[in-house]
PDB file of all heavy atoms in Angstrom:
ATOM      1  N   ALA A   1       0.832  -1.204   0.000  1.00  0.00           N
ATOM      2  CA  ALA A   1       0.000   0.000   0.000  1.00  0.00           C
ATOM      3  C   ALA A   1       0.861   1.247   0.000  1.00  0.00           C
ATOM      4  O   ALA A   1       0.584   2.215  -0.728  1.00  0.00           O
ATOM      5  CB  ALA A   1      -0.933  -0.005   1.211  1.00  0.00           C
ATOM      6  N   ARG A   2       1.909   1.252   0.800  1.00  0.00           N
ATOM      7  CA  ARG A   2       2.788   2.422   0.848  1.00  0.00           C
ATOM      8  C   ARG A   2       3.471   2.648  -0.496  1.00  0.00           C
ATOM      9  O   ARG A   2       3.606   3.791  -0.952  1.00  0.00           O
ATOM     10  CB  ARG A   2       3.844   2.254   1.942  1.00  0.00           C
ATOM     11  CG  ARG A   2       4.673   3.511   2.148  1.00  0.00           C
ATOM     12  CD  ARG A   2       5.664   3.374   3.269  1.00  0.00           C
ATOM     13  NE  ARG A   2       6.695   2.390   2.973  1.00  0.00           N
ATOM     14  CZ  ARG A   2       7.722   2.143   3.778  1.00  0.00           C
ATOM     15  NH1 ARG A   2       7.835   2.781   4.927  1.00  0.00           N
ATOM     16  NH2 ARG A   2       8.639   1.245   3.444  1.00  0.00           N
ATOM     17  N   ALA A   3       3.903   1.565  -1.152  1.00  0.00           N
ATOM     18  CA  ALA A   3       4.523   1.709  -2.471  1.00  0.00           C
ATOM     19  C   ALA A   3       3.530   2.249  -3.492  1.00  0.00           C
ATOM     20  O   ALA A   3       3.875   3.081  -4.335  1.00  0.00           O
ATOM     21  CB  ALA A   3       5.085   0.367  -2.931  1.00  0.00           C
ATOM     22  N   LEU A   4       2.280   1.790  -3.417  1.00  0.00           N
ATOM     23  CA  LEU A   4       1.254   2.255  -4.352  1.00  0.00           C
ATOM     24  C   LEU A   4       0.841   3.696  -4.093  1.00  0.00           C
ATOM     25  O   LEU A   4       0.314   4.364  -4.990  1.00  0.00           O
ATOM     26  CB  LEU A   4       0.024   1.354  -4.283  1.00  0.00           C
ATOM     27  CG  LEU A   4       0.178  -0.056  -4.859  1.00  0.00           C
ATOM     28  CD1 LEU A   4      -1.083  -0.867  -4.592  1.00  0.00           C
ATOM     29  CD2 LEU A   4       0.469  -0.008  -6.353  1.00  0.00           C
ATOM     30  N   ALA A   5       1.073   4.202  -2.882  1.00  0.00           N
ATOM     31  CA  ALA A   5       0.668   5.566  -2.547  1.00  0.00           C
ATOM     32  C   ALA A   5       1.383   6.595  -3.404  1.00  0.00           C
ATOM     33  O   ALA A   5       0.902   7.722  -3.559  1.00  0.00           O
ATOM     34  CB  ALA A   5       0.931   5.844  -1.067  1.00  0.00           C
ATOM     35  N   ALA A   6       2.519   6.220  -3.960  1.00  0.00           N
ATOM     36  CA  ALA A   6       3.263   7.143  -4.831  1.00  0.00           C
ATOM     37  C   ALA A   6       2.758   7.118  -6.267  1.00  0.00           C
ATOM     38  O   ALA A   6       3.344   7.759  -7.136  1.00  0.00           O
ATOM     39  CB  ALA A   6       4.747   6.799  -4.806  1.00  0.00           C
ATOM     40  N   SER A   7       1.677   6.352  -6.524  1.00  0.00           N
ATOM     41  CA  SER A   7       1.088   6.240  -7.871  1.00  0.00           C
ATOM     42  C   SER A   7       2.126   5.848  -8.924  1.00  0.00           C
ATOM     43  O   SER A   7       2.309   6.556  -9.919  1.00  0.00           O
ATOM     44  CB  SER A   7       0.398   7.555  -8.271  1.00  0.00           C
ATOM     45  OG  SER A   7      -0.619   7.881  -7.361  1.00  0.00           O
ATOM     46  N   PRO A   8       2.806   4.728  -8.723  1.00  0.00           N
ATOM     47  CA  PRO A   8       3.875   4.351  -9.648  1.00  0.00           C
ATOM     48  C   PRO A   8       3.351   3.836 -10.984  1.00  0.00           C
ATOM     49  O   PRO A   8       2.226   3.335 -11.073  1.00  0.00           O
ATOM     50  CB  PRO A   8       4.595   3.232  -8.894  1.00  0.00           C
ATOM     51  CG  PRO A   8       3.508   2.589  -8.088  1.00  0.00           C
ATOM     52  CD  PRO A   8       2.628   3.729  -7.651  1.00  0.00           C
ATOM     53  N   LYS A   9       4.195   3.952 -12.007  1.00  0.00           N
ATOM     54  CA  LYS A   9       3.961   3.274 -13.276  1.00  0.00           C
ATOM     55  C   LYS A   9       4.591   1.885 -13.246  1.00  0.00           C
ATOM     56  O   LYS A   9       4.137   0.976 -13.942  1.00  0.00           O
ATOM     57  CB  LYS A   9       4.583   4.084 -14.421  1.00  0.00           C
ATOM     58  CG  LYS A   9       4.044   5.493 -14.576  1.00  0.00           C
ATOM     59  CD  LYS A   9       4.858   6.253 -15.622  1.00  0.00           C
ATOM     60  CE  LYS A   9       4.424   7.708 -15.714  1.00  0.00           C
ATOM     61  NZ  LYS A   9       5.301   8.477 -16.645  1.00  0.00           N
ATOM     62  N   LEU A  10       5.675   1.749 -12.462  1.00  0.00           N
ATOM     63  CA  LEU A  10       6.402   0.495 -12.332  1.00  0.00           C
ATOM     64  C   LEU A  10       6.591   0.196 -10.856  1.00  0.00           C
ATOM     65  O   LEU A  10       7.161   0.995 -10.117  1.00  0.00           O
ATOM     66  CB  LEU A  10       7.762   0.586 -13.030  1.00  0.00           C
ATOM     67  CG  LEU A  10       8.687  -0.625 -12.892  1.00  0.00           C
ATOM     68  CD1 LEU A  10       8.063  -1.862 -13.536  1.00  0.00           C
ATOM     69  CD2 LEU A  10      10.051  -0.329 -13.525  1.00  0.00           C
ATOM     70  N   LEU A  11       6.111  -0.976 -10.435  1.00  0.00           N
ATOM     71  CA  LEU A  11       6.205  -1.400  -9.046  1.00  0.00           C
ATOM     72  C   LEU A  11       7.222  -2.529  -8.941  1.00  0.00           C
ATOM     73  O   LEU A  11       7.085  -3.565  -9.595  1.00  0.00           O
ATOM     74  CB  LEU A  11       4.835  -1.872  -8.551  1.00  0.00           C
ATOM     75  CG  LEU A  11       4.746  -2.410  -7.121  1.00  0.00           C
ATOM     76  CD1 LEU A  11       5.097  -1.324  -6.112  1.00  0.00           C
ATOM     77  CD2 LEU A  11       3.342  -2.958  -6.859  1.00  0.00           C
ATOM     78  N   LEU A  12       8.255  -2.335  -8.109  1.00  0.00           N
ATOM     79  CA  LEU A  12       9.261  -3.359  -7.875  1.00  0.00           C
ATOM     80  C   LEU A  12       8.916  -4.093  -6.585  1.00  0.00           C
ATOM     81  O   LEU A  12       8.824  -3.473  -5.520  1.00  0.00           O
ATOM     82  CB  LEU A  12      10.659  -2.734  -7.740  1.00  0.00           C
ATOM     83  CG  LEU A  12      11.130  -1.761  -8.824  1.00  0.00           C
ATOM     84  CD1 LEU A  12      12.567  -1.338  -8.544  1.00  0.00           C
ATOM     85  CD2 LEU A  12      10.999  -2.368 -10.199  1.00  0.00           C
ATOM     86  N   LEU A  13       8.713  -5.393  -6.688  1.00  0.00           N
ATOM     87  CA  LEU A  13       8.382  -6.209  -5.527  1.00  0.00           C
ATOM     88  C   LEU A  13       9.554  -7.146  -5.235  1.00  0.00           C
ATOM     89  O   LEU A  13       9.867  -8.017  -6.038  1.00  0.00           O
ATOM     90  CB  LEU A  13       7.108  -7.022  -5.779  1.00  0.00           C
ATOM     91  CG  LEU A  13       5.827  -6.210  -6.039  1.00  0.00           C
ATOM     92  CD1 LEU A  13       4.661  -7.152  -6.308  1.00  0.00           C
ATOM     93  CD2 LEU A  13       5.523  -5.297  -4.857  1.00  0.00           C
ATOM     94  N   ASP A  14      10.184  -6.955  -4.085  1.00  0.00           N
ATOM     95  CA  ASP A  14      11.370  -7.717  -3.713  1.00  0.00           C
ATOM     96  C   ASP A  14      10.982  -8.800  -2.711  1.00  0.00           C
ATOM     97  O   ASP A  14      10.732  -8.517  -1.541  1.00  0.00           O
ATOM     98  CB  ASP A  14      12.415  -6.779  -3.105  1.00  0.00           C
ATOM     99  CG  ASP A  14      13.775  -7.445  -2.957  1.00  0.00           C
ATOM    100  OD1 ASP A  14      13.883  -8.648  -3.252  1.00  0.00           O
ATOM    101  OD2 ASP A  14      14.724  -6.750  -2.547  1.00  0.00           O
ATOM    102  N   GLU A  15      10.909 -10.043  -3.178  1.00  0.00           N
ATOM    103  CA  GLU A  15      10.571 -11.201  -2.356  1.00  0.00           C
ATOM    104  C   GLU A  15       9.277 -10.998  -1.563  1.00  0.00           C
ATOM    105  O   GLU A  15       9.246 -11.183  -0.336  1.00  0.00           O
ATOM    106  CB  GLU A  15      11.715 -11.526  -1.387  1.00  0.00           C
ATOM    107  CG  GLU A  15      13.030 -11.847  -2.055  1.00  0.00           C
ATOM    108  CD  GLU A  15      13.112 -13.279  -2.574  1.00  0.00           C
ATOM    109  OE1 GLU A  15      12.111 -13.998  -2.476  1.00  0.00           O
ATOM    110  OE2 GLU A  15      14.172 -13.657  -3.087  1.00  0.00           O
ATOM    111  N   PRO A  16       8.182 -10.623  -2.228  1.00  0.00           N
ATOM    112  CA  PRO A  16       6.945 -10.349  -1.477  1.00  0.00           C
ATOM    113  C   PRO A  16       6.341 -11.586  -0.827  1.00  0.00           C
ATOM    114  O   PRO A  16       5.573 -11.471   0.126  1.00  0.00           O
ATOM    115  CB  PRO A  16       6.010  -9.784  -2.547  1.00  0.00           C
ATOM    116  CG  PRO A  16       6.495 -10.392  -3.827  1.00  0.00           C
ATOM    117  CD  PRO A  16       7.990 -10.442  -3.672  1.00  0.00           C
ATOM    118  N   ALA A  17       6.670 -12.788  -1.314  1.00  0.00           N
ATOM    119  CA  ALA A  17       6.104 -14.016  -0.745  1.00  0.00           C
ATOM    120  C   ALA A  17       6.926 -14.565   0.411  1.00  0.00           C
ATOM    121  O   ALA A  17       6.503 -15.528   1.060  1.00  0.00           O
ATOM    122  CB  ALA A  17       5.958 -15.086  -1.821  1.00  0.00           C
ATOM    123  N   GLY A  18       8.071 -13.977   0.693  1.00  0.00           N
ATOM    124  CA  GLY A  18       8.931 -14.469   1.762  1.00  0.00           C
ATOM    125  C   GLY A  18       8.224 -14.449   3.105  1.00  0.00           C
ATOM    126  O   GLY A  18       7.680 -13.427   3.528  1.00  0.00           O
ATOM    127  N   GLY A  19       8.195 -15.575   3.800  1.00  0.00           N
ATOM    128  CA  GLY A  19       7.575 -15.659   5.109  1.00  0.00           C
ATOM    129  C   GLY A  19       6.084 -15.856   5.119  1.00  0.00           C
ATOM    130  O   GLY A  19       5.470 -15.926   6.192  1.00  0.00           O
ATOM    131  N   LEU A  20       5.459 -15.955   3.939  1.00  0.00           N
ATOM    132  CA  LEU A  20       4.004 -16.132   3.870  1.00  0.00           C
ATOM    133  C   LEU A  20       3.655 -17.616   3.783  1.00  0.00           C
ATOM    134  O   LEU A  20       4.407 -18.423   3.237  1.00  0.00           O
ATOM    135  CB  LEU A  20       3.432 -15.405   2.650  1.00  0.00           C
ATOM    136  CG  LEU A  20       3.683 -13.893   2.554  1.00  0.00           C
ATOM    137  CD1 LEU A  20       2.940 -13.329   1.349  1.00  0.00           C
ATOM    138  CD2 LEU A  20       3.262 -13.178   3.834  1.00  0.00           C
ATOM    139  N   ASN A  21       2.484 -17.971   4.303  1.00  0.00           N
ATOM    140  CA  ASN A  21       2.026 -19.348   4.170  1.00  0.00           C
ATOM    141  C   ASN A  21       1.363 -19.554   2.814  1.00  0.00           C
ATOM    142  O   ASN A  21       1.216 -18.614   2.022  1.00  0.00           O
ATOM    143  CB  ASN A  21       1.082 -19.734   5.322  1.00  0.00           C
ATOM    144  CG  ASN A  21      -0.186 -18.888   5.357  1.00  0.00           C
ATOM    145  OD1 ASN A  21      -0.769 -18.558   4.331  1.00  0.00           O
ATOM    146  ND2 ASN A  21      -0.636 -18.552   6.568  1.00  0.00           N
ATOM    147  N   HIS A  22       0.958 -20.799   2.546  1.00  0.00           N
ATOM    148  CA  HIS A  22       0.438 -21.140   1.216  1.00  0.00           C
ATOM    149  C   HIS A  22      -0.769 -20.288   0.841  1.00  0.00           C
ATOM    150  O   HIS A  22      -0.841 -19.769  -0.292  1.00  0.00           O
ATOM    151  CB  HIS A  22       0.066 -22.625   1.181  1.00  0.00           C
ATOM    152  CG  HIS A  22      -0.558 -23.058  -0.117  1.00  0.00           C
ATOM    153  ND1 HIS A  22       0.171 -23.238  -1.272  1.00  0.00           N
ATOM    154  CD2 HIS A  22      -1.863 -23.320  -0.446  1.00  0.00           C
ATOM    155  CE1 HIS A  22      -0.640 -23.601  -2.259  1.00  0.00           C
ATOM    156  NE2 HIS A  22      -1.871 -23.659  -1.783  1.00  0.00           N
ATOM    157  N   GLN A  23      -1.702 -20.126   1.764  1.00  0.00           N
ATOM    158  CA  GLN A  23      -2.898 -19.348   1.465  1.00  0.00           C
ATOM    159  C   GLN A  23      -2.560 -17.885   1.233  1.00  0.00           C
ATOM    160  O   GLN A  23      -3.122 -17.231   0.344  1.00  0.00           O
ATOM    161  CB  GLN A  23      -3.919 -19.480   2.608  1.00  0.00           C
ATOM    162  CG  GLN A  23      -5.249 -18.776   2.354  1.00  0.00           C
ATOM    163  CD  GLN A  23      -5.979 -19.313   1.136  1.00  0.00           C
ATOM    164  OE1 GLN A  23      -5.830 -20.488   0.773  1.00  0.00           O
ATOM    165  NE2 GLN A  23      -6.752 -18.464   0.471  1.00  0.00           N
ATOM    166  N   GLU A  24      -1.620 -17.347   2.010  1.00  0.00           N
ATOM    167  CA  GLU A  24      -1.232 -15.948   1.843  1.00  0.00           C
ATOM    168  C   GLU A  24      -0.525 -15.736   0.509  1.00  0.00           C
ATOM    169  O   GLU A  24      -0.702 -14.684  -0.131  1.00  0.00           O
ATOM    170  CB  GLU A  24      -0.327 -15.527   3.000  1.00  0.00           C
ATOM    171  CG  GLU A  24      -1.056 -15.381   4.329  1.00  0.00           C
ATOM    172  CD  GLU A  24      -0.118 -15.169   5.503  1.00  0.00           C
ATOM    173  OE1 GLU A  24       1.052 -15.640   5.423  1.00  0.00           O
ATOM    174  OE2 GLU A  24      -0.529 -14.555   6.497  1.00  0.00           O
ATOM    175  N   VAL A  25       0.269 -16.711   0.063  1.00  0.00           N
ATOM    176  CA  VAL A  25       0.928 -16.604  -1.245  1.00  0.00           C
ATOM    177  C   VAL A  25      -0.110 -16.584  -2.361  1.00  0.00           C
ATOM    178  O   VAL A  25      -0.006 -15.808  -3.318  1.00  0.00           O
ATOM    179  CB  VAL A  25       1.934 -17.749  -1.450  1.00  0.00           C
ATOM    180  CG1 VAL A  25       2.462 -17.759  -2.891  1.00  0.00           C
ATOM    181  CG2 VAL A  25       3.099 -17.625  -0.479  1.00  0.00           C
ATOM    182  N   LYS A  26      -1.114 -17.431  -2.238  1.00  0.00           N
ATOM    183  CA  LYS A  26      -2.184 -17.467  -3.236  1.00  0.00           C
ATOM    184  C   LYS A  26      -2.910 -16.127  -3.296  1.00  0.00           C
ATOM    185  O   LYS A  26      -3.189 -15.595  -4.383  1.00  0.00           O
ATOM    186  CB  LYS A  26      -3.156 -18.591  -2.905  1.00  0.00           C
ATOM    187  CG  LYS A  26      -4.261 -18.785  -3.930  1.00  0.00           C
ATOM    188  CD  LYS A  26      -5.147 -19.978  -3.562  1.00  0.00           C
ATOM    189  CE  LYS A  26      -6.266 -20.155  -4.580  1.00  0.00           C
ATOM    190  NZ  LYS A  26      -7.148 -21.303  -4.210  1.00  0.00           N
ATOM    191  N   GLN A  27      -3.199 -15.554  -2.126  1.00  0.00           N
ATOM    192  CA  GLN A  27      -3.861 -14.250  -2.081  1.00  0.00           C
ATOM    193  C   GLN A  27      -2.963 -13.158  -2.651  1.00  0.00           C
ATOM    194  O   GLN A  27      -3.448 -12.237  -3.330  1.00  0.00           O
ATOM    195  CB  GLN A  27      -4.247 -13.928  -0.640  1.00  0.00           C
ATOM    196  CG  GLN A  27      -5.333 -14.833  -0.071  1.00  0.00           C
ATOM    197  CD  GLN A  27      -5.529 -14.658   1.420  1.00  0.00           C
ATOM    198  OE1 GLN A  27      -4.719 -14.017   2.100  1.00  0.00           O
ATOM    199  NE2 GLN A  27      -6.598 -15.236   1.945  1.00  0.00           N
ATOM    200  N   LEU A  28      -1.658 -13.262  -2.384  1.00  0.00           N
ATOM    201  CA  LEU A  28      -0.708 -12.288  -2.922  1.00  0.00           C
ATOM    202  C   LEU A  28      -0.709 -12.311  -4.440  1.00  0.00           C
ATOM    203  O   LEU A  28      -0.704 -11.256  -5.089  1.00  0.00           O
ATOM    204  CB  LEU A  28       0.693 -12.580  -2.389  1.00  0.00           C
ATOM    205  CG  LEU A  28       1.825 -11.725  -2.978  1.00  0.00           C
ATOM    206  CD1 LEU A  28       1.662 -10.264  -2.609  1.00  0.00           C
ATOM    207  CD2 LEU A  28       3.183 -12.255  -2.495  1.00  0.00           C
ATOM    208  N   GLY A  29      -0.709 -13.505  -5.032  1.00  0.00           N
ATOM    209  CA  GLY A  29      -0.735 -13.599  -6.487  1.00  0.00           C
ATOM    210  C   GLY A  29      -1.963 -12.928  -7.069  1.00  0.00           C
ATOM    211  O   GLY A  29      -1.881 -12.179  -8.059  1.00  0.00           O
TER     212      GLY A  29
END
């Protein structure tokens, strides 16, 4: 949310699934 607050054209996501469980990874996708 904080990254999106800058209204980017390009969003860089660095290991966003790290530490998430299976259901959270599915929701992230």
